[in-house]
Amino acid sequence: MAVLPGAFSHYLHLIIGILGIPLELVLNTDAFFFALMPVVNQIVAGFGISATAAAYPMIIGKVTGTFVCPLAPALWLALGIAELDMGKFLKYSLLWVWAYSLVLLLVGYLLGLFPL
């Protein structure tokens, strides 16, 4: 926690939620939920943010990224059936899914699921 800039520590759960799609490309589900999420929850708890409020933006970013994650077997199966290439699929869909994730984060904030 001492390494993180003070201005960003309070918003770490939102930053991880916004970067959820790129993180999806390098972290598998276990690493995200059992390693990254508890650390972020402990950091933002020091700023008075509940674990639930911290988890919402992170889960929104993670779950929407499932459809572009090269670690997901269902995606490989679907691409194989459709006879599509993973590289071309990611090149086309990554920005669309990321934009959708950001819209969902905005909706979650407007619904009051997590504070800023």
PDB file of N, CA and C in Angstrom:
ATOM      1  N   MET A   1       0.819  -1.183   0.000  1.00  0.00           N
ATOM      2  CA  MET A   1       0.000   0.000   0.000  1.00  0.00           C
ATOM      3  C   MET A   1       0.869   1.255   0.000  1.00  0.00           C
ATOM      4  N   ALA A   2       2.059   1.148   0.543  1.00  0.00           N
ATOM      5  CA  ALA A   2       2.948   2.304   0.590  1.00  0.00           C
ATOM      6  C   ALA A   2       3.463   2.670  -0.793  1.00  0.00           C
ATOM      7  N   VAL A   3       3.428   1.740  -1.724  1.00  0.00           N
ATOM      8  CA  VAL A   3       3.924   1.984  -3.075  1.00  0.00           C
ATOM      9  C   VAL A   3       2.904   2.744  -3.917  1.00  0.00           C
ATOM     10  N   LEU A   4       1.622   2.567  -3.628  1.00  0.00           N
ATOM     11  CA  LEU A   4       0.561   3.200  -4.413  1.00  0.00           C
ATOM     12  C   LEU A   4       0.482   4.698  -4.130  1.00  0.00           C
ATOM     13  N   PRO A   5       0.267   5.496  -5.156  1.00  0.00           N
ATOM     14  CA  PRO A   5       0.038   6.926  -4.907  1.00  0.00           C
ATOM     15  C   PRO A   5      -1.252   7.116  -4.098  1.00  0.00           C
ATOM     16  N   GLY A   6      -1.214   8.033  -3.156  1.00  0.00           N
ATOM     17  CA  GLY A   6      -2.359   8.253  -2.279  1.00  0.00           C
ATOM     18  C   GLY A   6      -3.629   8.636  -3.006  1.00  0.00           C
ATOM     19  N   ALA A   7      -3.502   9.368  -4.099  1.00  0.00           N
ATOM     20  CA  ALA A   7      -4.682   9.803  -4.841  1.00  0.00           C
ATOM     21  C   ALA A   7      -5.386   8.643  -5.535  1.00  0.00           C
ATOM     22  N   PHE A   8      -4.641   7.606  -5.883  1.00  0.00           N
ATOM     23  CA  PHE A   8      -5.234   6.482  -6.604  1.00  0.00           C
ATOM     24  C   PHE A   8      -5.730   5.379  -5.689  1.00  0.00           C
ATOM     25  N   SER A   9      -5.231   5.308  -4.465  1.00  0.00           N
ATOM     26  CA  SER A   9      -5.599   4.215  -3.563  1.00  0.00           C
ATOM     27  C   SER A   9      -7.086   4.197  -3.252  1.00  0.00           C
ATOM     28  N   HIS A  10      -7.688   5.346  -3.091  1.00  0.00           N
ATOM     29  CA  HIS A  10      -9.109   5.437  -2.774  1.00  0.00           C
ATOM     30  C   HIS A  10      -9.972   4.929  -3.923  1.00  0.00           C
ATOM     31  N   TYR A  11      -9.484   5.052  -5.145  1.00  0.00           N
ATOM     32  CA  TYR A  11     -10.247   4.668  -6.331  1.00  0.00           C
ATOM     33  C   TYR A  11      -9.728   3.378  -6.973  1.00  0.00           C
ATOM     34  N   LEU A  12      -8.969   2.607  -6.238  1.00  0.00           N
ATOM     35  CA  LEU A  12      -8.345   1.423  -6.817  1.00  0.00           C
ATOM     36  C   LEU A  12      -9.371   0.432  -7.361  1.00  0.00           C
ATOM     37  N   HIS A  13     -10.482   0.242  -6.667  1.00  0.00           N
ATOM     38  CA  HIS A  13     -11.514  -0.688  -7.140  1.00  0.00           C
ATOM     39  C   HIS A  13     -12.112  -0.207  -8.463  1.00  0.00           C
ATOM     40  N   LEU A  14     -12.256   1.112  -8.631  1.00  0.00           N
ATOM     41  CA  LEU A  14     -12.777   1.648  -9.892  1.00  0.00           C
ATOM     42  C   LEU A  14     -11.748   1.502 -11.014  1.00  0.00           C
ATOM     43  N   ILE A  15     -10.489   1.720 -10.692  1.00  0.00           N
ATOM     44  CA  ILE A  15      -9.430   1.565 -11.698  1.00  0.00           C
ATOM     45  C   ILE A  15      -9.352   0.128 -12.180  1.00  0.00           C
ATOM     46  N   ILE A  16      -9.444  -0.815 -11.244  1.00  0.00           N
ATOM     47  CA  ILE A  16      -9.431  -2.234 -11.627  1.00  0.00           C
ATOM     48  C   ILE A  16     -10.684  -2.565 -12.440  1.00  0.00           C
ATOM     49  N   GLY A  17     -11.813  -1.984 -12.100  1.00  0.00           N
ATOM     50  CA  GLY A  17     -13.037  -2.198 -12.880  1.00  0.00           C
ATOM     51  C   GLY A  17     -12.919  -1.654 -14.292  1.00  0.00           C
ATOM     52  N   ILE A  18     -12.329  -0.473 -14.433  1.00  0.00           N
ATOM     53  CA  ILE A  18     -12.148   0.120 -15.758  1.00  0.00           C
ATOM     54  C   ILE A  18     -11.158  -0.685 -16.582  1.00  0.00           C
ATOM     55  N   LEU A  19     -10.112  -1.177 -15.941  1.00  0.00           N
ATOM     56  CA  LEU A  19      -9.104  -1.973 -16.649  1.00  0.00           C
ATOM     57  C   LEU A  19      -9.425  -3.468 -16.625  1.00  0.00           C
ATOM     58  N   GLY A  20     -10.661  -3.808 -16.298  1.00  0.00           N
ATOM     59  CA  GLY A  20     -11.049  -5.218 -16.194  1.00  0.00           C
ATOM     60  C   GLY A  20     -10.884  -5.993 -17.488  1.00  0.00           C
ATOM     61  N   ILE A  21     -11.179  -5.381 -18.620  1.00  0.00           N
ATOM     62  CA  ILE A  21     -11.074  -6.084 -19.896  1.00  0.00           C
ATOM     63  C   ILE A  21      -9.618  -6.371 -20.247  1.00  0.00           C
ATOM     64  N   PRO A  22      -8.708  -5.402 -20.182  1.00  0.00           N
ATOM     65  CA  PRO A  22      -7.307  -5.762 -20.441  1.00  0.00           C
ATOM     66  C   PRO A  22      -6.742  -6.750 -19.413  1.00  0.00           C
ATOM     67  N   LEU A  23      -7.170  -6.623 -18.153  1.00  0.00           N
ATOM     68  CA  LEU A  23      -6.713  -7.574 -17.145  1.00  0.00           C
ATOM     69  C   LEU A  23      -7.233  -8.981 -17.430  1.00  0.00           C
ATOM     70  N   GLU A  24      -8.384  -9.053 -18.050  1.00  0.00           N
ATOM     71  CA  GLU A  24      -8.972 -10.351 -18.399  1.00  0.00           C
ATOM     72  C   GLU A  24      -8.070 -11.121 -19.359  1.00  0.00           C
ATOM     73  N   LEU A  25      -7.305 -10.411 -20.154  1.00  0.00           N
ATOM     74  CA  LEU A  25      -6.433 -11.064 -21.129  1.00  0.00           C
ATOM     75  C   LEU A  25      -5.214 -11.701 -20.483  1.00  0.00           C
ATOM     76  N   VAL A  26      -4.852 -11.271 -19.269  1.00  0.00           N
ATOM     77  CA  VAL A  26      -3.646 -11.796 -18.636  1.00  0.00           C
ATOM     78  C   VAL A  26      -3.902 -12.545 -17.336  1.00  0.00           C
ATOM     79  N   LEU A  27      -5.049 -12.328 -16.705  1.00  0.00           N
ATOM     80  CA  LEU A  27      -5.357 -13.006 -15.448  1.00  0.00           C
ATOM     81  C   LEU A  27      -6.490 -14.000 -15.645  1.00  0.00           C
ATOM     82  N   ASN A  28      -6.308 -15.180 -15.102  1.00  0.00           N
ATOM     83  CA  ASN A  28      -7.427 -16.116 -15.153  1.00  0.00           C
ATOM     84  C   ASN A  28      -8.381 -15.823 -14.000  1.00  0.00           C
ATOM     85  N   THR A  29      -9.464 -16.522 -13.933  1.00  0.00           N
ATOM     86  CA  THR A  29     -10.506 -16.256 -12.943  1.00  0.00           C
ATOM     87  C   THR A  29     -10.003 -16.449 -11.520  1.00  0.00           C
ATOM     88  N   ASP A  30      -9.253 -17.513 -11.274  1.00  0.00           N
ATOM     89  CA  ASP A  30      -8.756 -17.761  -9.922  1.00  0.00           C
ATOM     90  C   ASP A  30      -7.816 -16.661  -9.454  1.00  0.00           C
ATOM     91  N   ALA A  31      -6.921 -16.217 -10.325  1.00  0.00           N
ATOM     92  CA  ALA A  31      -5.987 -15.150  -9.950  1.00  0.00           C
ATOM     93  C   ALA A  31      -6.737 -13.865  -9.652  1.00  0.00           C
ATOM     94  N   PHE A  32      -7.777 -13.608 -10.384  1.00  0.00           N
ATOM     95  CA  PHE A  32      -8.542 -12.371 -10.165  1.00  0.00           C
ATOM     96  C   PHE A  32      -9.307 -12.422  -8.846  1.00  0.00           C
ATOM     97  N   PHE A  33     -10.084 -13.491  -8.640  1.00  0.00           N
ATOM     98  CA  PHE A  33     -10.967 -13.537  -7.478  1.00  0.00           C
ATOM     99  C   PHE A  33     -10.267 -13.923  -6.183  1.00  0.00           C
ATOM    100  N   PHE A  34      -9.185 -14.702  -6.263  1.00  0.00           N
ATOM    101  CA  PHE A  34      -8.531 -15.160  -5.036  1.00  0.00           C
ATOM    102  C   PHE A  34      -7.232 -14.431  -4.721  1.00  0.00           C
ATOM    103  N   ALA A  35      -6.708 -13.657  -5.645  1.00  0.00           N
ATOM    104  CA  ALA A  35      -5.468 -12.924  -5.385  1.00  0.00           C
ATOM    105  C   ALA A  35      -5.669 -11.420  -5.476  1.00  0.00           C
ATOM    106  N   LEU A  36      -6.202 -10.941  -6.583  1.00  0.00           N
ATOM    107  CA  LEU A  36      -6.319  -9.499  -6.791  1.00  0.00           C
ATOM    108  C   LEU A  36      -7.458  -8.884  -5.977  1.00  0.00           C
ATOM    109  N   MET A  37      -8.623  -9.488  -6.010  1.00  0.00           N
ATOM    110  CA  MET A  37      -9.789  -8.902  -5.346  1.00  0.00           C
ATOM    111  C   MET A  37      -9.608  -8.764  -3.827  1.00  0.00           C
ATOM    112  N   PRO A  38      -9.099  -9.755  -3.105  1.00  0.00           N
ATOM    113  CA  PRO A  38      -8.913  -9.556  -1.661  1.00  0.00           C
ATOM    114  C   PRO A  38      -7.917  -8.449  -1.324  1.00  0.00           C
ATOM    115  N   VAL A  39      -6.878  -8.323  -2.135  1.00  0.00           N
ATOM    116  CA  VAL A  39      -5.893  -7.261  -1.888  1.00  0.00           C
ATOM    117  C   VAL A  39      -6.530  -5.894  -2.091  1.00  0.00           C
ATOM    118  N   VAL A  40      -7.263  -5.736  -3.180  1.00  0.00           N
ATOM    119  CA  VAL A  40      -7.920  -4.457  -3.453  1.00  0.00           C
ATOM    120  C   VAL A  40      -8.958  -4.155  -2.373  1.00  0.00           C
ATOM    121  N   ASN A  41      -9.717  -5.163  -1.952  1.00  0.00           N
ATOM    122  CA  ASN A  41     -10.711  -4.955  -0.894  1.00  0.00           C
ATOM    123  C   ASN A  41     -10.058  -4.468   0.396  1.00  0.00           C
ATOM    124  N   GLN A  42      -8.908  -5.024   0.754  1.00  0.00           N
ATOM    125  CA  GLN A  42      -8.216  -4.596   1.967  1.00  0.00           C
ATOM    126  C   GLN A  42      -7.700  -3.168   1.845  1.00  0.00           C
ATOM    127  N   ILE A  43      -7.237  -2.803   0.650  1.00  0.00           N
ATOM    128  CA  ILE A  43      -6.713  -1.449   0.451  1.00  0.00           C
ATOM    129  C   ILE A  43      -7.826  -0.416   0.552  1.00  0.00           C
ATOM    130  N   VAL A  44      -8.925  -0.645  -0.149  1.00  0.00           N
ATOM    131  CA  VAL A  44     -10.000   0.362  -0.142  1.00  0.00           C
ATOM    132  C   VAL A  44     -10.797   0.333   1.166  1.00  0.00           C
ATOM    133  N   ALA A  45     -10.717  -0.749   1.928  1.00  0.00           N
ATOM    134  CA  ALA A  45     -11.383  -0.784   3.231  1.00  0.00           C
ATOM    135  C   ALA A  45     -10.793   0.267   4.158  1.00  0.00           C
ATOM    136  N   GLY A  46      -9.513   0.585   3.967  1.00  0.00           N
ATOM    137  CA  GLY A  46      -8.884   1.627   4.762  1.00  0.00           C
ATOM    138  C   GLY A  46      -9.454   3.010   4.486  1.00  0.00           C
ATOM    139  N   PHE A  47     -10.171   3.161   3.383  1.00  0.00           N
ATOM    140  CA  PHE A  47     -10.802   4.432   3.032  1.00  0.00           C
ATOM    141  C   PHE A  47     -12.300   4.417   3.323  1.00  0.00           C
ATOM    142  N   GLY A  48     -12.776   3.384   4.014  1.00  0.00           N
ATOM    143  CA  GLY A  48     -14.181   3.318   4.402  1.00  0.00           C
ATOM    144  C   GLY A  48     -15.111   2.763   3.338  1.00  0.00           C
ATOM    145  N   ILE A  49     -14.568   2.111   2.325  1.00  0.00           N
ATOM    146  CA  ILE A  49     -15.394   1.526   1.268  1.00  0.00           C
ATOM    147  C   ILE A  49     -15.641   0.064   1.616  1.00  0.00           C
ATOM    148  N   SER A  50     -16.898  -0.335   1.610  1.00  0.00           N
ATOM    149  CA  SER A  50     -17.239  -1.706   1.979  1.00  0.00           C
ATOM    150  C   SER A  50     -16.762  -2.688   0.918  1.00  0.00           C
ATOM    151  N   ALA A  51     -16.637  -3.930   1.327  1.00  0.00           N
ATOM    152  CA  ALA A  51     -16.179  -4.967   0.399  1.00  0.00           C
ATOM    153  C   ALA A  51     -17.158  -5.145  -0.756  1.00  0.00           C
ATOM    154  N   THR A  52     -18.434  -5.023  -0.482  1.00  0.00           N
ATOM    155  CA  THR A  52     -19.439  -5.157  -1.540  1.00  0.00           C
ATOM    156  C   THR A  52     -19.336  -4.023  -2.539  1.00  0.00           C
ATOM    157  N   ALA A  53     -19.199  -2.797  -2.050  1.00  0.00           N
ATOM    158  CA  ALA A  53     -19.089  -1.642  -2.942  1.00  0.00           C
ATOM    159  C   ALA A  53     -17.808  -1.698  -3.760  1.00  0.00           C
ATOM    160  N   ALA A  54     -16.758  -2.279  -3.206  1.00  0.00           N
ATOM    161  CA  ALA A  54     -15.504  -2.419  -3.952  1.00  0.00           C
ATOM    162  C   ALA A  54     -15.589  -3.549  -4.964  1.00  0.00           C
ATOM    163  N   ALA A  55     -16.366  -4.573  -4.647  1.00  0.00           N
ATOM    164  CA  ALA A  55     -16.442  -5.732  -5.529  1.00  0.00           C
ATOM    165  C   ALA A  55     -17.274  -5.464  -6.785  1.00  0.00           C
ATOM    166  N   TYR A  56     -18.311  -4.641  -6.679  1.00  0.00           N
ATOM    167  CA  TYR A  56     -19.190  -4.407  -7.826  1.00  0.00           C
ATOM    168  C   TYR A  56     -18.445  -3.936  -9.080  1.00  0.00           C
ATOM    169  N   PRO A  57     -17.674  -2.867  -9.041  1.00  0.00           N
ATOM    170  CA  PRO A  57     -17.014  -2.443 -10.287  1.00  0.00           C
ATOM    171  C   PRO A  57     -15.990  -3.458 -10.787  1.00  0.00           C
ATOM    172  N   MET A  58     -15.340  -4.145  -9.853  1.00  0.00           N
ATOM    173  CA  MET A  58     -14.352  -5.140 -10.277  1.00  0.00           C
ATOM    174  C   MET A  58     -15.027  -6.325 -10.963  1.00  0.00           C
ATOM    175  N   ILE A  59     -16.156  -6.751 -10.428  1.00  0.00           N
ATOM    176  CA  ILE A  59     -16.869  -7.886 -11.026  1.00  0.00           C
ATOM    177  C   ILE A  59     -17.480  -7.494 -12.366  1.00  0.00           C
ATOM    178  N   ILE A  60     -17.993  -6.271 -12.473  1.00  0.00           N
ATOM    179  CA  ILE A  60     -18.540  -5.819 -13.760  1.00  0.00           C
ATOM    180  C   ILE A  60     -17.459  -5.877 -14.830  1.00  0.00           C
ATOM    181  N   GLY A  61     -16.265  -5.374 -14.512  1.00  0.00           N
ATOM    182  CA  GLY A  61     -15.165  -5.416 -15.469  1.00  0.00           C
ATOM    183  C   GLY A  61     -14.720  -6.830 -15.792  1.00  0.00           C
ATOM    184  N   LYS A  62     -14.748  -7.695 -14.810  1.00  0.00           N
ATOM    185  CA  LYS A  62     -14.301  -9.076 -15.007  1.00  0.00           C
ATOM    186  C   LYS A  62     -15.314  -9.892 -15.809  1.00  0.00           C
ATOM    187  N   VAL A  63     -16.554  -9.816 -15.451  1.00  0.00           N
ATOM    188  CA  VAL A  63     -17.564 -10.670 -16.075  1.00  0.00           C
ATOM    189  C   VAL A  63     -17.782 -10.300 -17.539  1.00  0.00           C
ATOM    190  N   THR A  64     -17.790  -9.015 -17.849  1.00  0.00           N
ATOM    191  CA  THR A  64     -17.965  -8.645 -19.254  1.00  0.00           C
ATOM    192  C   THR A  64     -16.762  -9.055 -20.098  1.00  0.00           C
ATOM    193  N   GLY A  65     -15.608  -9.196 -19.466  1.00  0.00           N
ATOM    194  CA  GLY A  65     -14.418  -9.616 -20.197  1.00  0.00           C
ATOM    195  C   GLY A  65     -14.360 -11.099 -20.490  1.00  0.00           C
ATOM    196  N   THR A  66     -15.269 -11.864 -19.920  1.00  0.00           N
ATOM    197  CA  THR A  66     -15.269 -13.308 -20.145  1.00  0.00           C
ATOM    198  C   THR A  66     -15.407 -13.654 -21.623  1.00  0.00           C
ATOM    199  N   PHE A  67     -16.075 -12.794 -22.360  1.00  0.00           N
ATOM    200  CA  PHE A  67     -16.350 -13.105 -23.763  1.00  0.00           C
ATOM    201  C   PHE A  67     -15.189 -12.770 -24.690  1.00  0.00           C
ATOM    202  N   VAL A  68     -14.125 -12.180 -24.152  1.00  0.00           N
ATOM    203  CA  VAL A  68     -12.932 -11.939 -24.962  1.00  0.00           C
ATOM    204  C   VAL A  68     -11.692 -12.581 -24.348  1.00  0.00           C
ATOM    205  N   CYS A  69     -11.863 -13.350 -23.309  1.00  0.00           N
ATOM    206  CA  CYS A  69     -10.731 -13.957 -22.615  1.00  0.00           C
ATOM    207  C   CYS A  69     -10.215 -15.172 -23.378  1.00  0.00           C
ATOM    208  N   PRO A  70      -8.950 -15.148 -23.786  1.00  0.00           N
ATOM    209  CA  PRO A  70      -8.412 -16.318 -24.480  1.00  0.00           C
ATOM    210  C   PRO A  70      -8.204 -17.513 -23.556  1.00  0.00           C
ATOM    211  N   LEU A  71      -8.421 -17.339 -22.263  1.00  0.00           N
ATOM    212  CA  LEU A  71      -8.291 -18.439 -21.311  1.00  0.00           C
ATOM    213  C   LEU A  71      -9.604 -19.195 -21.113  1.00  0.00           C
ATOM    214  N   ALA A  72     -10.680 -18.725 -21.741  1.00  0.00           N
ATOM    215  CA  ALA A  72     -11.992 -19.351 -21.573  1.00  0.00           C
ATOM    216  C   ALA A  72     -12.197 -20.438 -22.634  1.00  0.00           C
ATOM    217  N   PRO A  73     -12.381 -21.676 -22.213  1.00  0.00           N
ATOM    218  CA  PRO A  73     -12.576 -22.764 -23.178  1.00  0.00           C
ATOM    219  C   PRO A  73     -13.825 -22.580 -24.044  1.00  0.00           C
ATOM    220  N   ALA A  74     -14.873 -21.987 -23.485  1.00  0.00           N
ATOM    221  CA  ALA A  74     -16.105 -21.801 -24.264  1.00  0.00           C
ATOM    222  C   ALA A  74     -15.868 -20.885 -25.463  1.00  0.00           C
ATOM    223  N   LEU A  75     -15.011 -19.895 -25.296  1.00  0.00           N
ATOM    224  CA  LEU A  75     -14.693 -19.001 -26.410  1.00  0.00           C
ATOM    225  C   LEU A  75     -13.964 -19.750 -27.518  1.00  0.00           C
ATOM    226  N   TRP A  76     -13.009 -20.590 -27.143  1.00  0.00           N
ATOM    227  CA  TRP A  76     -12.298 -21.379 -28.154  1.00  0.00           C
ATOM    228  C   TRP A  76     -13.246 -22.323 -28.883  1.00  0.00           C
ATOM    229  N   LEU A  77     -14.173 -22.922 -28.150  1.00  0.00           N
ATOM    230  CA  LEU A  77     -15.156 -23.806 -28.771  1.00  0.00           C
ATOM    231  C   LEU A  77     -16.034 -23.038 -29.747  1.00  0.00           C
ATOM    232  N   ALA A  78     -16.524 -21.878 -29.320  1.00  0.00           N
ATOM    233  CA  ALA A  78     -17.383 -21.073 -30.192  1.00  0.00           C
ATOM    234  C   ALA A  78     -16.625 -20.603 -31.431  1.00  0.00           C
ATOM    235  N   LEU A  79     -15.381 -20.183 -31.266  1.00  0.00           N
ATOM    236  CA  LEU A  79     -14.601 -19.741 -32.419  1.00  0.00           C
ATOM    237  C   LEU A  79     -14.289 -20.899 -33.355  1.00  0.00           C
ATOM    238  N   GLY A  80     -14.071 -22.081 -32.790  1.00  0.00           N
ATOM    239  CA  GLY A  80     -13.823 -23.260 -33.620  1.00  0.00           C
ATOM    240  C   GLY A  80     -15.047 -23.648 -34.426  1.00  0.00           C
ATOM    241  N   ILE A  81     -16.202 -23.604 -33.802  1.00  0.00           N
ATOM    242  CA  ILE A  81     -17.444 -23.938 -34.503  1.00  0.00           C
ATOM    243  C   ILE A  81     -17.722 -22.915 -35.606  1.00  0.00           C
ATOM    244  N   ALA A  82     -17.449 -21.641 -35.314  1.00  0.00           N
ATOM    245  CA  ALA A  82     -17.700 -20.580 -36.298  1.00  0.00           C
ATOM    246  C   ALA A  82     -16.560 -20.451 -37.314  1.00  0.00           C
ATOM    247  N   GLU A  83     -15.514 -21.241 -37.114  1.00  0.00           N
ATOM    248  CA  GLU A  83     -14.326 -21.218 -37.977  1.00  0.00           C
ATOM    249  C   GLU A  83     -13.721 -19.820 -38.054  1.00  0.00           C
ATOM    250  N   LEU A  84     -13.553 -19.214 -36.877  1.00  0.00           N
ATOM    251  CA  LEU A  84     -12.951 -17.888 -36.769  1.00  0.00           C
ATOM    252  C   LEU A  84     -11.596 -17.976 -36.083  1.00  0.00           C
ATOM    253  N   ASP A  85     -10.774 -16.964 -36.283  1.00  0.00           N
ATOM    254  CA  ASP A  85      -9.441 -16.891 -35.706  1.00  0.00           C
ATOM    255  C   ASP A  85      -9.485 -16.047 -34.426  1.00  0.00           C
ATOM    256  N   MET A  86      -8.788 -16.487 -33.376  1.00  0.00           N
ATOM    257  CA  MET A  86      -8.790 -15.755 -32.106  1.00  0.00           C
ATOM    258  C   MET A  86      -8.225 -14.351 -32.276  1.00  0.00           C
ATOM    259  N   GLY A  87      -7.155 -14.183 -33.018  1.00  0.00           N
ATOM    260  CA  GLY A  87      -6.550 -12.875 -33.213  1.00  0.00           C
ATOM    261  C   GLY A  87      -7.497 -11.895 -33.879  1.00  0.00           C
ATOM    262  N   LYS A  88      -8.159 -12.336 -34.926  1.00  0.00           N
ATOM    263  CA  LYS A  88      -9.108 -11.458 -35.609  1.00  0.00           C
ATOM    264  C   LYS A  88     -10.309 -11.140 -34.717  1.00  0.00           C
ATOM    265  N   PHE A  89     -10.749 -12.132 -33.959  1.00  0.00           N
ATOM    266  CA  PHE A  89     -11.870 -11.920 -33.052  1.00  0.00           C
ATOM    267  C   PHE A  89     -11.519 -10.871 -32.002  1.00  0.00           C
ATOM    268  N   LEU A  90     -10.342 -10.996 -31.376  1.00  0.00           N
ATOM    269  CA  LEU A  90      -9.934 -10.028 -30.365  1.00  0.00           C
ATOM    270  C   LEU A  90      -9.742  -8.634 -30.962  1.00  0.00           C
ATOM    271  N   LYS A  91      -9.176  -8.589 -32.154  1.00  0.00           N
ATOM    272  CA  LYS A  91      -8.946  -7.306 -32.808  1.00  0.00           C
ATOM    273  C   LYS A  91     -10.269  -6.580 -33.057  1.00  0.00           C
ATOM    274  N   TYR A  92     -11.294  -7.321 -33.404  1.00  0.00           N
ATOM    275  CA  TYR A  92     -12.593  -6.717 -33.684  1.00  0.00           C
ATOM    276  C   TYR A  92     -13.382  -6.419 -32.413  1.00  0.00           C
ATOM    277  N   SER A  93     -13.426  -7.363 -31.494  1.00  0.00           N
ATOM    278  CA  SER A  93     -14.386  -7.271 -30.393  1.00  0.00           C
ATOM    279  C   SER A  93     -13.843  -6.631 -29.121  1.00  0.00           C
ATOM    280  N   LEU A  94     -12.543  -6.522 -28.959  1.00  0.00           N
ATOM    281  CA  LEU A  94     -11.984  -6.047 -27.695  1.00  0.00           C
ATOM    282  C   LEU A  94     -12.473  -4.643 -27.339  1.00  0.00           C
ATOM    283  N   LEU A  95     -12.407  -3.720 -28.253  1.00  0.00           N
ATOM    284  CA  LEU A  95     -12.839  -2.354 -27.947  1.00  0.00           C
ATOM    285  C   LEU A  95     -14.347  -2.256 -27.733  1.00  0.00           C
ATOM    286  N   TRP A  96     -15.119  -3.063 -28.474  1.00  0.00           N
ATOM    287  CA  TRP A  96     -16.577  -3.059 -28.283  1.00  0.00           C
ATOM    288  C   TRP A  96     -16.946  -3.569 -26.891  1.00  0.00           C
ATOM    289  N   VAL A  97     -16.308  -4.653 -26.476  1.00  0.00           N
ATOM    290  CA  VAL A  97     -16.611  -5.218 -25.159  1.00  0.00           C
ATOM    291  C   VAL A  97     -16.134  -4.280 -24.058  1.00  0.00           C
ATOM    292  N   TRP A  98     -14.991  -3.642 -24.262  1.00  0.00           N
ATOM    293  CA  TRP A  98     -14.490  -2.696 -23.267  1.00  0.00           C
ATOM    294  C   TRP A  98     -15.438  -1.500 -23.141  1.00  0.00           C
ATOM    295  N   ALA A  99     -15.929  -0.992 -24.254  1.00  0.00           N
ATOM    296  CA  ALA A  99     -16.891   0.114 -24.219  1.00  0.00           C
ATOM    297  C   ALA A  99     -18.169  -0.315 -23.508  1.00  0.00           C
ATOM    298  N   TYR A 100     -18.630  -1.523 -23.779  1.00  0.00           N
ATOM    299  CA  TYR A 100     -19.817  -2.053 -23.098  1.00  0.00           C
ATOM    300  C   TYR A 100     -19.576  -2.153 -21.596  1.00  0.00           C
ATOM    301  N   SER A 101     -18.399  -2.573 -21.211  1.00  0.00           N
ATOM    302  CA  SER A 101     -18.046  -2.666 -19.800  1.00  0.00           C
ATOM    303  C   SER A 101     -18.075  -1.290 -19.136  1.00  0.00           C
ATOM    304  N   LEU A 102     -17.568  -0.279 -19.814  1.00  0.00           N
ATOM    305  CA  LEU A 102     -17.586   1.075 -19.262  1.00  0.00           C
ATOM    306  C   LEU A 102     -19.012   1.604 -19.115  1.00  0.00           C
ATOM    307  N   VAL A 103     -19.870   1.267 -20.068  1.00  0.00           N
ATOM    308  CA  VAL A 103     -21.282   1.660 -19.970  1.00  0.00           C
ATOM    309  C   VAL A 103     -21.932   0.974 -18.766  1.00  0.00           C
ATOM    310  N   LEU A 104     -21.622  -0.300 -18.567  1.00  0.00           N
ATOM    311  CA  LEU A 104     -22.172  -1.015 -17.415  1.00  0.00           C
ATOM    312  C   LEU A 104     -21.662  -0.434 -16.098  1.00  0.00           C
ATOM    313  N   LEU A 105     -20.407  -0.016 -16.074  1.00  0.00           N
ATOM    314  CA  LEU A 105     -19.883   0.636 -14.874  1.00  0.00           C
ATOM    315  C   LEU A 105     -20.629   1.940 -14.593  1.00  0.00           C
ATOM    316  N   LEU A 106     -20.909   2.695 -15.633  1.00  0.00           N
ATOM    317  CA  LEU A 106     -21.659   3.941 -15.469  1.00  0.00           C
ATOM    318  C   LEU A 106     -23.069   3.659 -14.952  1.00  0.00           C
ATOM    319  N   VAL A 107     -23.712   2.657 -15.500  1.00  0.00           N
ATOM    320  CA  VAL A 107     -25.057   2.282 -15.047  1.00  0.00           C
ATOM    321  C   VAL A 107     -25.016   1.826 -13.592  1.00  0.00           C
ATOM    322  N   GLY A 108     -24.004   1.035 -13.237  1.00  0.00           N
ATOM    323  CA  GLY A 108     -23.866   0.601 -11.847  1.00  0.00           C
ATOM    324  C   GLY A 108     -23.677   1.764 -10.897  1.00  0.00           C
ATOM    325  N   TYR A 109     -22.897   2.747 -11.317  1.00  0.00           N
ATOM    326  CA  TYR A 109     -22.718   3.945 -10.485  1.00  0.00           C
ATOM    327  C   TYR A 109     -24.029   4.718 -10.366  1.00  0.00           C
ATOM    328  N   LEU A 110     -24.739   4.897 -11.485  1.00  0.00           N
ATOM    329  CA  LEU A 110     -26.001   5.629 -11.453  1.00  0.00           C
ATOM    330  C   LEU A 110     -27.062   4.921 -10.614  1.00  0.00           C
ATOM    331  N   LEU A 111     -26.995   3.599 -10.547  1.00  0.00           N
ATOM    332  CA  LEU A 111     -27.926   2.834  -9.714  1.00  0.00           C
ATOM    333  C   LEU A 111     -27.517   2.841  -8.245  1.00  0.00           C
ATOM    334  N   GLY A 112     -26.340   3.386  -7.965  1.00  0.00           N
ATOM    335  CA  GLY A 112     -25.889   3.469  -6.573  1.00  0.00           C
ATOM    336  C   GLY A 112     -25.235   2.221  -6.047  1.00  0.00           C
ATOM    337  N   LEU A 113     -24.729   1.364  -6.925  1.00  0.00           N
ATOM    338  CA  LEU A 113     -24.097   0.133  -6.472  1.00  0.00           C
ATOM    339  C   LEU A 113     -22.757   0.371  -5.797  1.00  0.00           C
ATOM    340  N   PHE A 114     -22.060   1.423  -6.200  1.00  0.00           N
ATOM    341  CA  PHE A 114     -20.765   1.735  -5.599  1.00  0.00           C
ATOM    342  C   PHE A 114     -20.540   3.244  -5.627  1.00  0.00           C
ATOM    343  N   PRO A 115     -19.833   3.755  -4.631  1.00  0.00           N
ATOM    344  CA  PRO A 115     -19.570   5.199  -4.592  1.00  0.00           C
ATOM    345  C   PRO A 115     -18.314   5.534  -5.381  1.00  0.00           C
ATOM    346  N   LEU A 116     -18.161   6.802  -5.686  1.00  0.00           N
ATOM    347  CA  LEU A 116     -16.917   7.264  -6.304  1.00  0.00           C
ATOM    348  C   LEU A 116     -15.940   7.717  -5.264  1.00  0.00           C
TER     349      LEU A 116
END
